[in-house]
Amino acid sequence: MPIGVIESLDHDARGITRRDGKAIFVDGALPGETVEYASFRRKPKYELAHLVNVITESVARVTPRCPHFGICGGCSMQHLEASTQVAVKQRVLEDTLWHVGRVRPEQMLAPIEGAPWAYRHRARLGVRNVPSKGGMLIGFHERRSSYIADLRTCPILQPHVSALLIPLRELFTALSVSERLPQVEVAVGEQCTALVLRILEPLTSKDEALIRAFADKHAVVIYLQPKGPDTAFRFYPLPGPPLTYALPDFDLEFEFRPTDFTQVNHAVNRVLVRRALKLLDPQPGERIADLFCGLGNFTLPIARSGALVVGVEGSPALVERGLASAKAHALDSRVALFAENLFECTTESLGRLGRFDKMLIDPPREGAIEVVKALGEDGPQRIVYVSCNPATLARDAAVLVSVKHYRLKAAGIVNMFPHTGHVESIALFERE
């Protein structure tokens, strides 16, 4: 059995050792450990391996809290002490900025972090009836597998949602559409919790009665989704409070649909918005762009400063809900939102929006390369870039620094997903 010393962790939280010049990625191994491993996939330049035995254990190794850790793919780092997880992610960000973009920030910002447990306000859980495993399963996918993990508890979900896992199994088992219900999506708001049932066949009257009784007993709102996300509709109870999330520092509360994109970690999102606004430093009368603005998570806080904000988002439905929020908070006079595909952004299309003093960019994993390339000589003096993918941030940063003549003034991680390998970050760029 080969033995290796683990040098570091990769972005998927796998330990990295080397043999004969080849990188070996070992699931479950931690930096500084000497381990035995068994390779299960061999490529010319690397191998993927299982951890067989820890010979010398890291001082940062801890006992995972979740009994499903190692099988469930929802978490990959519960065996690593929480503060060390943050340090590892900060190192991943620094290394990626340099190795991919050949850029280094002038300052590393203090990490943004929050409670490491019970942080998820959103989750998409698979549902499958597997008689060989005891019947109905509800959970995240197993690691490196399309199978559903047999979850009975989940410490990263809100406690009242974790407590629903077993009752939901019982409900779904009793439904006539149990074989045609592949997914349940969870959204926890300030005033209610919504469950979106993805149903591929119509419900019977008995099914509907069972679902209503479940909603009453567990104080949840049930949505049904017969096709794509836009088809989700509130089924029961029809009256009642809407789904919302709040940004108390800015006296804002956003109404959203359970299938809309919102941040998973509400507490960390509040800190992130504060940090972004501090870096952006919006001033009354400034004209500021918020690109990939979604529901207005940053748009409305910027508008609170007295600045004029132009938000651009690819989804017309999100733009509509963002405008409704702006109006509800009496900010519509300082907010203009447009639906445009920013992945097809050009110098001309960006120019039609006018000149901006500052800009905030918050793209999906694909990054904002077309936006970055479209910036002209009259581009904003300051850009705050919120990223959920260090590789695309590094790629875009290389263009901003080497082609568009910005300086990477600061960068730091946002630990939106504790116990996972996801590295979210925020960066500040300024014109030279």
Protein backbone atom coordinates (compact mmCIF):
# COMPACT_ATOMS: atom_id res chain seq x y z
CA MET A 1 0.00 0.00 0.00
CA PRO A 2 1.60 3.37 -1.00
CA ILE A 3 2.39 5.91 1.71
CA GLY A 4 2.49 9.69 1.23
CA VAL A 5 2.85 12.94 3.14
CA ILE A 6 0.01 15.35 2.46
CA GLU A 7 1.26 18.80 1.34
CA SER A 8 -1.99 20.74 1.02
CA LEU A 9 -5.69 20.58 0.13
CA ASP A 10 -7.18 21.22 -3.29
CA HIS A 11 -10.41 23.13 -3.97
CA ASP A 12 -12.42 19.94 -3.41
CA ALA A 13 -10.82 19.46 0.03
CA ARG A 14 -8.75 16.48 -1.11
CA GLY A 15 -5.28 16.01 0.34
CA ILE A 16 -2.43 16.33 -2.16
CA THR A 17 0.70 14.18 -2.06
CA ARG A 18 3.17 13.39 -4.84
CA ARG A 19 4.85 10.28 -6.14
CA ASP A 20 7.30 10.18 -9.07
CA GLY A 21 6.31 13.70 -10.04
CA LYS A 22 2.60 12.85 -10.18
CA ALA A 23 -0.01 14.54 -7.98
CA ILE A 24 -2.11 12.14 -5.89
CA PHE A 25 -5.44 13.48 -4.60
CA VAL A 26 -6.48 11.61 -1.47
CA ASP A 27 -10.06 11.94 -0.16
CA GLY A 28 -10.18 12.60 3.58
CA ALA A 29 -6.45 13.30 4.07
CA LEU A 30 -5.26 16.54 5.71
CA PRO A 31 -2.11 18.66 5.31
CA GLY A 32 0.83 17.41 7.37
CA GLU A 33 -0.52 13.88 7.67
CA THR A 34 1.34 10.74 6.64
CA VAL A 35 -1.21 8.37 5.14
CA GLU A 36 -1.70 5.10 3.37
CA TYR A 37 -3.89 5.39 0.30
CA ALA A 38 -5.34 3.31 -2.52
CA SER A 39 -5.74 4.82 -5.99
CA PHE A 40 -9.03 4.23 -7.79
CA ARG A 41 -8.38 6.33 -10.90
CA ARG A 42 -5.05 6.75 -12.66
CA LYS A 43 -4.26 9.39 -15.26
CA PRO A 44 -0.89 10.31 -16.83
CA LYS A 45 -0.46 13.39 -14.63
CA TYR A 46 -2.49 12.58 -11.53
CA GLU A 47 -4.31 9.91 -9.52
CA LEU A 48 -7.44 9.94 -7.37
CA ALA A 49 -7.24 7.88 -4.20
CA HIS A 50 -9.13 6.72 -1.12
CA LEU A 51 -7.68 7.23 2.35
CA VAL A 52 -6.86 3.80 3.85
CA ASN A 53 -5.07 4.68 7.07
CA VAL A 54 -3.73 7.78 8.85
CA ILE A 55 -0.24 7.02 10.15
CA THR A 56 0.54 10.49 11.49
CA GLU A 57 -2.55 12.57 12.28
CA SER A 58 -2.94 16.32 11.84
CA VAL A 59 -3.59 18.34 15.00
CA ALA A 60 -6.43 19.98 13.07
CA ARG A 61 -8.29 16.70 12.52
CA VAL A 62 -11.59 16.50 14.43
CA THR A 63 -14.43 14.01 14.71
CA PRO A 64 -17.15 14.89 12.17
CA ARG A 65 -20.42 15.90 13.81
CA CYS A 66 -22.62 14.32 11.15
CA PRO A 67 -23.07 10.54 11.17
CA HIS A 68 -23.43 10.62 7.38
CA PHE A 69 -20.10 12.35 6.73
CA GLY A 70 -17.97 10.47 4.24
CA ILE A 71 -20.99 9.08 2.42
CA CYS A 72 -23.10 12.20 1.87
CA GLY A 73 -21.65 14.61 -0.67
CA GLY A 74 -23.09 17.68 1.06
CA CYS A 75 -19.91 18.24 3.10
CA SER A 76 -16.27 17.44 2.48
CA MET A 77 -14.42 19.10 5.38
CA GLN A 78 -16.16 18.19 8.65
CA HIS A 79 -13.02 16.28 9.67
CA LEU A 80 -11.05 19.55 9.66
CA GLU A 81 -11.28 22.06 12.52
CA ALA A 82 -13.45 25.04 11.51
CA SER A 83 -10.87 27.84 11.73
CA THR A 84 -8.40 25.74 9.75
CA GLN A 85 -11.03 25.30 7.03
CA VAL A 86 -11.10 29.08 6.69
CA ALA A 87 -7.30 29.29 6.49
CA VAL A 88 -7.26 26.57 3.82
CA LYS A 89 -9.81 28.47 1.72
CA GLN A 90 -7.84 31.68 2.07
CA ARG A 91 -4.78 29.83 0.76
CA VAL A 92 -6.79 28.38 -2.13
CA LEU A 93 -7.85 31.91 -3.10
CA GLU A 94 -4.30 33.28 -2.93
CA ASP A 95 -2.85 30.35 -4.88
CA THR A 96 -5.55 30.50 -7.55
CA LEU A 97 -5.17 34.25 -8.06
CA TRP A 98 -1.45 33.73 -8.63
CA HIS A 99 -1.34 30.47 -10.58
CA VAL A 100 -4.32 31.26 -12.83
CA GLY A 101 -4.24 35.04 -13.06
CA ARG A 102 -0.66 35.92 -12.10
CA VAL A 103 -2.03 38.55 -9.74
CA ARG A 104 -1.60 39.12 -6.03
CA PRO A 105 -3.77 41.42 -3.91
CA GLU A 106 -2.01 44.27 -2.17
CA GLN A 107 -3.97 43.37 0.98
CA MET A 108 -5.63 40.16 2.15
CA LEU A 109 -8.92 40.99 3.82
CA ALA A 110 -10.03 39.34 7.06
CA PRO A 111 -12.22 36.33 6.21
CA ILE A 112 -15.99 36.72 6.40
CA GLU A 113 -17.39 33.84 8.41
CA GLY A 114 -20.31 32.88 10.60
CA ALA A 115 -21.69 29.95 12.57
CA PRO A 116 -20.36 26.66 11.13
CA TRP A 117 -23.56 24.69 11.83
CA ALA A 118 -27.26 25.12 10.99
CA TYR A 119 -26.36 27.77 8.45
CA ARG A 120 -28.27 26.59 5.37
CA HIS A 121 -31.51 28.42 4.61
CA ARG A 122 -31.78 26.78 1.20
CA ALA A 123 -31.27 23.21 0.01
CA ARG A 124 -32.21 21.02 -2.93
CA LEU A 125 -32.63 17.43 -1.78
CA GLY A 126 -33.01 14.38 -3.96
CA VAL A 127 -35.87 11.92 -3.37
CA ARG A 128 -35.82 8.28 -4.39
CA ASN A 129 -37.55 5.08 -3.37
CA VAL A 130 -34.88 2.39 -2.91
CA PRO A 131 -36.40 -0.79 -1.41
CA SER A 132 -32.96 -2.38 -0.99
CA LYS A 133 -32.01 0.49 1.35
CA GLY A 134 -35.20 0.48 3.36
CA GLY A 135 -37.55 2.49 1.16
CA MET A 136 -37.79 6.24 0.59
CA LEU A 137 -34.52 8.20 0.75
CA ILE A 138 -34.22 11.98 1.02
CA GLY A 139 -30.88 13.77 0.99
CA PHE A 140 -27.96 15.17 -0.94
CA HIS A 141 -26.18 12.98 -3.46
CA GLU A 142 -23.55 10.60 -2.18
CA ARG A 143 -19.95 11.59 -2.84
CA ARG A 144 -18.91 10.96 -6.45
CA SER A 145 -22.27 9.31 -7.12
CA SER A 146 -25.77 9.93 -8.44
CA TYR A 147 -27.22 7.87 -5.56
CA ILE A 148 -29.14 9.66 -2.83
CA ALA A 149 -27.51 9.59 0.62
CA ASP A 150 -29.65 8.00 3.33
CA LEU A 151 -29.98 11.14 5.49
CA ARG A 152 -31.84 11.01 8.79
CA THR A 153 -30.35 14.19 10.20
CA CYS A 154 -28.28 17.05 8.80
CA PRO A 155 -26.45 19.51 11.10
CA ILE A 156 -25.85 22.12 8.37
CA LEU A 157 -29.59 22.53 7.74
CA GLN A 158 -31.76 24.67 9.97
CA PRO A 159 -32.71 22.38 12.91
CA HIS A 160 -36.43 22.44 12.16
CA VAL A 161 -35.68 21.43 8.55
CA SER A 162 -33.39 18.60 9.63
CA ALA A 163 -36.22 17.37 11.87
CA LEU A 164 -38.45 17.09 8.79
CA LEU A 165 -36.31 14.49 7.01
CA ILE A 166 -37.98 11.45 8.60
CA PRO A 167 -41.55 12.86 8.45
CA LEU A 168 -41.01 13.73 4.79
CA ARG A 169 -40.01 10.13 4.08
CA GLU A 170 -43.25 8.97 5.62
CA LEU A 171 -45.28 11.50 3.63
CA PHE A 172 -43.66 10.70 0.30
CA THR A 173 -44.01 6.96 0.87
CA ALA A 174 -47.75 7.42 1.32
CA LEU A 175 -48.26 9.46 -1.86
CA SER A 176 -49.49 7.84 -5.07
CA VAL A 177 -46.77 9.79 -6.96
CA SER A 178 -43.95 8.54 -4.72
CA GLU A 179 -42.09 7.14 -7.74
CA ARG A 180 -42.56 10.41 -9.64
CA LEU A 181 -41.33 12.86 -7.01
CA PRO A 182 -37.57 13.24 -7.61
CA GLN A 183 -36.79 16.36 -5.60
CA VAL A 184 -37.79 18.61 -2.73
CA GLU A 185 -36.40 22.13 -2.47
CA VAL A 186 -36.27 23.92 0.88
CA ALA A 187 -36.34 27.68 1.40
CA VAL A 188 -36.35 29.17 4.91
CA GLY A 189 -37.49 32.77 5.18
CA GLU A 190 -37.90 35.25 7.98
CA GLN A 191 -41.59 34.43 8.41
CA CYS A 192 -42.11 30.95 6.97
CA THR A 193 -40.46 27.81 5.59
CA ALA A 194 -41.37 26.60 2.11
CA LEU A 195 -41.02 23.12 0.61
CA VAL A 196 -41.19 22.82 -3.17
CA LEU A 197 -42.24 19.33 -4.29
CA ARG A 198 -41.14 18.49 -7.83
CA ILE A 199 -44.00 16.32 -9.08
CA LEU A 200 -44.01 14.60 -12.48
CA GLU A 201 -47.62 13.40 -12.27
CA PRO A 202 -50.81 15.06 -10.96
CA LEU A 203 -51.74 14.47 -7.35
CA THR A 204 -54.85 12.58 -6.32
CA SER A 205 -57.34 14.08 -3.88
CA LYS A 206 -55.95 11.74 -1.21
CA ASP A 207 -52.41 12.99 -1.96
CA GLU A 208 -53.57 16.57 -1.59
CA ALA A 209 -55.21 15.82 1.76
CA LEU A 210 -52.02 14.16 3.06
CA ILE A 211 -49.89 17.13 1.98
CA ARG A 212 -52.24 19.64 3.61
CA ALA A 213 -52.21 17.66 6.86
CA PHE A 214 -48.38 17.56 6.76
CA ALA A 215 -48.20 21.33 6.19
CA ASP A 216 -50.55 22.00 9.11
CA LYS A 217 -48.72 19.66 11.46
CA HIS A 218 -45.23 20.99 10.69
CA ALA A 219 -46.11 24.64 10.00
CA VAL A 220 -44.63 24.76 6.51
CA VAL A 221 -45.81 26.15 3.18
CA ILE A 222 -46.03 23.67 0.31
CA TYR A 223 -45.32 24.60 -3.29
CA LEU A 224 -45.77 22.24 -6.23
CA GLN A 225 -43.49 22.30 -9.25
CA PRO A 226 -44.82 20.31 -12.24
CA LYS A 227 -42.12 21.36 -14.73
CA GLY A 228 -39.30 23.94 -14.61
CA PRO A 229 -38.60 26.30 -11.67
CA ASP A 230 -40.90 28.98 -13.07
CA THR A 231 -43.89 26.60 -12.81
CA ALA A 232 -43.67 26.33 -9.02
CA PHE A 233 -46.86 27.59 -7.37
CA ARG A 234 -48.06 27.95 -3.80
CA PHE A 235 -50.35 25.00 -3.06
CA TYR A 236 -51.09 25.19 0.68
CA PRO A 237 -51.78 27.19 2.71
CA LEU A 238 -52.74 29.89 0.21
CA PRO A 239 -53.06 32.76 2.71
CA GLY A 240 -50.12 33.56 4.93
CA PRO A 241 -46.84 35.45 5.06
CA PRO A 242 -44.52 35.42 2.04
CA LEU A 243 -40.94 34.18 1.90
CA THR A 244 -38.56 37.01 2.77
CA TYR A 245 -34.99 37.59 3.89
CA ALA A 246 -33.74 40.68 5.67
CA LEU A 247 -30.76 43.02 5.65
CA PRO A 248 -31.34 44.79 8.99
CA ASP A 249 -28.32 47.11 8.64
CA PHE A 250 -30.04 48.71 5.66
CA ASP A 251 -33.64 48.36 6.87
CA LEU A 252 -34.46 46.08 3.92
CA GLU A 253 -36.54 42.95 3.53
CA PHE A 254 -36.75 41.14 0.21
CA GLU A 255 -39.68 39.02 -0.89
CA PHE A 256 -38.68 36.03 -3.03
CA ARG A 257 -40.01 32.84 -4.56
CA PRO A 258 -38.64 29.54 -3.23
CA THR A 259 -37.01 28.75 -6.59
CA ASP A 260 -35.34 32.19 -6.92
CA PHE A 261 -31.61 32.46 -6.39
CA THR A 262 -30.87 33.83 -2.92
CA GLN A 263 -27.84 33.25 -0.72
CA VAL A 264 -27.86 30.00 1.24
CA ASN A 265 -26.30 31.53 4.36
CA HIS A 266 -28.33 34.53 5.52
CA ALA A 267 -26.00 35.53 8.37
CA VAL A 268 -22.90 35.53 6.18
CA ASN A 269 -24.76 37.35 3.42
CA ARG A 270 -25.47 40.21 5.83
CA VAL A 271 -21.77 40.55 6.61
CA LEU A 272 -20.89 40.23 2.92
CA VAL A 273 -23.22 43.09 1.97
CA ARG A 274 -21.72 45.26 4.73
CA ARG A 275 -18.19 44.47 3.48
CA ALA A 276 -19.09 45.10 -0.15
CA LEU A 277 -20.66 48.47 0.69
CA LYS A 278 -17.64 49.47 2.76
CA LEU A 279 -15.27 48.63 -0.10
CA LEU A 280 -17.46 50.27 -2.72
CA ASP A 281 -18.01 53.37 -0.54
CA PRO A 282 -21.04 54.68 -2.49
CA GLN A 283 -21.64 58.41 -2.16
CA PRO A 284 -24.80 60.47 -2.75
CA GLY A 285 -25.14 61.41 -6.39
CA GLU A 286 -22.67 58.83 -7.70
CA ARG A 287 -23.81 56.60 -10.55
CA ILE A 288 -23.09 52.96 -9.76
CA ALA A 289 -23.63 49.74 -11.72
CA ASP A 290 -24.68 46.48 -10.06
CA LEU A 291 -24.16 43.71 -12.60
CA PHE A 292 -25.75 40.26 -12.16
CA CYS A 293 -27.88 42.03 -9.57
CA GLY A 294 -30.53 39.31 -8.99
CA LEU A 295 -33.25 40.50 -6.62
CA GLY A 296 -31.22 43.57 -5.66
CA ASN A 297 -29.20 42.10 -2.77
CA PHE A 298 -26.56 44.81 -3.29
CA THR A 299 -28.60 47.21 -5.43
CA LEU A 300 -30.95 48.41 -2.71
CA PRO A 301 -28.26 48.81 -0.02
CA ILE A 302 -26.26 50.92 -2.51
CA ALA A 303 -29.35 53.01 -3.20
CA ARG A 304 -29.76 53.59 0.56
CA SER A 305 -26.50 55.58 0.40
CA GLY A 306 -28.09 58.12 -1.94
CA ALA A 307 -26.29 56.86 -5.05
CA LEU A 308 -28.11 56.19 -8.33
CA VAL A 309 -27.93 52.47 -9.13
CA VAL A 310 -28.32 50.73 -12.47
CA GLY A 311 -28.81 47.01 -11.98
CA VAL A 312 -28.55 44.43 -14.76
CA GLU A 313 -29.76 40.85 -14.45
CA GLY A 314 -30.39 38.08 -16.97
CA SER A 315 -33.73 36.97 -15.51
CA PRO A 316 -36.70 39.25 -16.29
CA ALA A 317 -38.62 37.69 -13.39
CA LEU A 318 -35.89 38.64 -10.89
CA VAL A 319 -35.77 42.15 -12.35
CA GLU A 320 -39.52 42.43 -11.83
CA ARG A 321 -39.26 41.35 -8.20
CA GLY A 322 -36.26 43.63 -7.65
CA LEU A 323 -38.22 46.62 -8.94
CA ALA A 324 -41.12 45.69 -6.64
CA SER A 325 -38.73 45.64 -3.66
CA ALA A 326 -37.27 49.01 -4.65
CA LYS A 327 -40.76 50.48 -4.82
CA ALA A 328 -41.80 48.91 -1.51
CA HIS A 329 -38.81 50.58 0.18
CA ALA A 330 -39.34 53.93 -1.61
CA LEU A 331 -36.05 53.54 -3.47
CA ASP A 332 -37.44 53.30 -6.99
CA SER A 333 -36.41 56.88 -7.79
CA ARG A 334 -32.76 55.89 -7.31
CA VAL A 335 -32.89 52.42 -8.91
CA ALA A 336 -33.12 51.35 -12.55
CA LEU A 337 -33.10 47.62 -13.33
CA PHE A 338 -32.74 46.00 -16.75
CA ALA A 339 -32.91 42.43 -18.02
CA GLU A 340 -29.93 41.69 -20.28
CA ASN A 341 -27.66 38.72 -20.92
CA LEU A 342 -24.32 39.86 -19.51
CA PHE A 343 -22.58 36.79 -20.93
CA GLU A 344 -23.04 38.49 -24.30
CA CYS A 345 -21.92 41.90 -23.05
CA THR A 346 -20.03 44.12 -25.51
CA THR A 347 -18.41 47.53 -25.30
CA GLU A 348 -21.42 48.91 -27.16
CA SER A 349 -24.08 47.28 -24.94
CA LEU A 350 -22.26 48.32 -21.77
CA GLY A 351 -21.81 51.82 -23.15
CA ARG A 352 -25.55 52.18 -23.69
CA LEU A 353 -25.99 52.01 -19.92
CA GLY A 354 -23.91 55.19 -19.56
CA ARG A 355 -20.83 56.04 -17.57
CA PHE A 356 -20.41 54.75 -14.00
CA ASP A 357 -18.34 56.08 -11.12
CA LYS A 358 -18.18 52.63 -9.51
CA MET A 359 -19.30 49.10 -10.25
CA LEU A 360 -20.22 45.96 -8.32
CA ILE A 361 -20.07 42.59 -10.12
CA ASP A 362 -21.59 39.43 -8.61
CA PRO A 363 -21.61 36.78 -11.37
CA PRO A 364 -22.35 33.04 -11.21
CA ARG A 365 -19.54 30.48 -11.41
CA GLU A 366 -18.85 31.31 -15.06
CA GLY A 367 -17.51 34.70 -14.04
CA ALA A 368 -17.80 38.01 -15.88
CA ILE A 369 -15.17 37.86 -18.61
CA GLU A 370 -17.30 39.55 -21.29
CA VAL A 371 -18.14 42.40 -18.91
CA VAL A 372 -14.49 42.82 -17.99
CA LYS A 373 -13.38 42.83 -21.62
CA ALA A 374 -16.09 45.38 -22.47
CA LEU A 375 -14.82 48.01 -20.01
CA GLY A 376 -13.50 51.08 -21.82
CA GLU A 377 -11.11 53.88 -21.00
CA ASP A 378 -13.94 55.65 -19.15
CA GLY A 379 -14.61 52.60 -17.00
CA PRO A 380 -15.44 52.96 -13.30
CA GLN A 381 -12.73 54.10 -10.92
CA ARG A 382 -13.56 51.33 -8.45
CA ILE A 383 -14.89 47.78 -8.91
CA VAL A 384 -16.01 45.39 -6.19
CA TYR A 385 -16.14 41.83 -7.50
CA VAL A 386 -18.04 39.19 -5.50
CA SER A 387 -17.11 35.71 -6.70
CA CYS A 388 -18.22 32.12 -6.11
CA ASN A 389 -15.37 30.62 -8.17
CA PRO A 390 -11.71 31.52 -7.53
CA ALA A 391 -10.65 30.31 -10.99
CA THR A 392 -12.94 32.65 -12.93
CA LEU A 393 -12.20 35.51 -10.53
CA ALA A 394 -8.47 34.97 -11.19
CA ARG A 395 -9.04 34.85 -14.95
CA ASP A 396 -11.07 38.07 -14.88
CA ALA A 397 -8.60 39.72 -12.50
CA ALA A 398 -5.78 39.05 -14.98
CA VAL A 399 -7.64 41.04 -17.64
CA LEU A 400 -8.53 43.85 -15.24
CA VAL A 401 -4.92 44.21 -14.09
CA SER A 402 -2.87 43.52 -17.23
CA VAL A 403 -5.22 44.89 -19.91
CA LYS A 404 -7.58 47.36 -18.23
CA HIS A 405 -4.97 48.87 -15.88
CA TYR A 406 -6.66 48.27 -12.54
CA ARG A 407 -4.85 47.41 -9.33
CA LEU A 408 -6.02 44.50 -7.22
CA LYS A 409 -6.16 46.42 -3.98
CA ALA A 410 -7.61 43.72 -1.73
CA ALA A 411 -9.20 40.27 -1.67
CA GLY A 412 -10.48 37.81 0.91
CA ILE A 413 -12.71 34.79 1.31
CA VAL A 414 -16.37 34.59 2.25
CA ASN A 415 -17.07 31.30 4.04
CA MET A 416 -20.62 30.99 2.76
CA PHE A 417 -20.53 27.16 2.89
CA PRO A 418 -18.69 25.85 5.99
CA HIS A 419 -17.52 22.22 5.81
CA THR A 420 -17.47 22.27 2.00
CA GLY A 421 -14.74 23.04 -0.50
CA HIS A 422 -16.69 26.00 -1.95
CA VAL A 423 -14.55 29.13 -1.88
CA GLU A 424 -16.46 32.39 -2.24
CA SER A 425 -14.57 35.66 -2.19
CA ILE A 426 -14.67 39.41 -2.59
CA ALA A 427 -12.08 41.58 -4.33
CA LEU A 428 -11.50 45.30 -4.77
CA PHE A 429 -10.02 46.79 -7.96
CA GLU A 430 -9.09 50.43 -8.50
CA ARG A 431 -7.84 52.33 -11.56
CA GLU A 432 -4.16 53.07 -11.50
